[in-house]
Amino acid sequence: PTLLTATSVFIIAFIAAPPVDIDGIREPVSGSLLYGNNIISGAIVPTSAAIGLHFSPIWEAASVDEWLYNGGPYELIVLHFLLGVA
């Protein structure tokens, strides 16, 4: 179930994730297809907080928009993938 979760969130985020604050200076970077990227330039954009400095679970965010803006899908994909292959 964790690999299925990681795969489905990756596909949804690759297509429709909103822009993410990548380095904390409030300048969002978009990587999804709906925001003008193509298959080659599309990405699930991590943030500095999502790379290992902080853990930002969805229940700690004030709203889903805040969780998405802070790179929540990237964390969800990475953590579920690691649990799935372990």
Protein backbone atom coordinates (compact mmCIF):
# COMPACT_ATOMS: atom_id res chain seq x y z
CA PRO A 1 0.00 0.00 0.00
CA THR A 2 2.84 2.46 0.63
CA LEU A 3 4.31 2.02 -2.86
CA LEU A 4 0.84 2.48 -4.36
CA THR A 5 0.43 5.68 -2.33
CA ALA A 6 3.83 6.98 -3.43
CA THR A 7 3.09 6.18 -7.08
CA SER A 8 -0.38 7.73 -7.12
CA VAL A 9 0.73 10.91 -5.32
CA PHE A 10 3.70 11.21 -7.71
CA ILE A 11 1.41 11.01 -10.76
CA ILE A 12 -1.11 13.48 -9.34
CA ALA A 13 1.60 15.91 -8.19
CA PHE A 14 3.47 15.67 -11.51
CA ILE A 15 0.30 16.70 -13.31
CA ALA A 16 -1.31 19.20 -10.94
CA ALA A 17 0.84 20.26 -7.95
CA PRO A 18 0.83 24.00 -7.22
CA PRO A 19 4.06 26.04 -7.08
CA VAL A 20 6.33 25.36 -4.09
CA ASP A 21 8.48 27.71 -2.00
CA ILE A 22 11.81 26.03 -2.75
CA ASP A 23 14.21 27.97 -0.54
CA GLY A 24 12.16 29.94 1.96
CA ILE A 25 12.26 33.35 0.27
CA ARG A 26 8.61 33.20 -0.83
CA GLU A 27 9.35 32.85 -4.54
CA PRO A 28 7.36 29.79 -5.64
CA VAL A 29 8.70 27.41 -8.28
CA SER A 30 6.30 25.30 -10.32
CA GLY A 31 7.11 21.88 -11.70
CA SER A 32 3.78 20.39 -12.72
CA LEU A 33 2.34 20.01 -16.19
CA LEU A 34 -0.62 22.32 -15.51
CA TYR A 35 1.76 25.19 -14.75
CA GLY A 36 3.44 25.20 -18.17
CA ASN A 37 6.06 22.47 -17.90
CA ASN A 38 6.30 19.59 -20.33
CA ILE A 39 7.20 15.94 -19.75
CA ILE A 40 10.93 16.73 -19.91
CA SER A 41 10.95 19.79 -17.62
CA GLY A 42 8.27 18.61 -15.19
CA ALA A 43 9.28 17.74 -11.64
CA ILE A 44 8.04 17.22 -8.13
CA VAL A 45 9.73 20.21 -6.53
CA PRO A 46 11.26 19.65 -3.07
CA THR A 47 11.84 22.40 -0.54
CA SER A 48 14.76 22.88 1.78
CA ALA A 49 12.44 21.88 4.61
CA ALA A 50 11.42 18.70 2.79
CA ILE A 51 14.96 17.51 2.15
CA GLY A 52 15.56 16.61 5.76
CA LEU A 53 15.78 19.74 7.84
CA HIS A 54 12.17 19.62 9.01
CA PHE A 55 9.30 17.17 8.93
CA SER A 56 6.08 18.87 7.91
CA PRO A 57 3.13 16.47 8.19
CA ILE A 58 -0.25 17.41 6.79
CA TRP A 59 -1.86 17.51 10.25
CA GLU A 60 0.59 20.23 11.39
CA ALA A 61 -0.24 22.59 8.51
CA ALA A 62 -2.93 25.23 8.95
CA SER A 63 -4.47 24.24 5.62
CA VAL A 64 -3.89 21.88 2.71
CA ASP A 65 -2.73 24.88 0.66
CA GLU A 66 0.04 25.58 3.17
CA TRP A 67 1.08 21.91 3.12
CA LEU A 68 1.21 21.92 -0.68
CA TYR A 69 3.12 25.22 -0.73
CA ASN A 70 5.73 23.84 1.68
CA GLY A 71 6.46 20.73 -0.41
CA GLY A 72 4.18 18.23 1.28
CA PRO A 73 3.73 15.94 -1.74
CA TYR A 74 7.51 15.52 -2.07
CA GLU A 75 7.79 14.42 1.55
CA LEU A 76 4.82 12.09 1.23
CA ILE A 77 6.29 10.45 -1.89
CA VAL A 78 9.78 10.01 -0.43
CA LEU A 79 8.69 8.71 2.97
CA HIS A 80 6.12 6.27 1.54
CA PHE A 81 8.61 5.02 -1.03
CA LEU A 82 11.25 4.42 1.65
CA LEU A 83 8.73 2.55 3.80
CA GLY A 84 7.62 0.52 0.79
CA VAL A 85 11.07 -0.69 -0.22
CA ALA A 86 12.31 -1.32 3.33
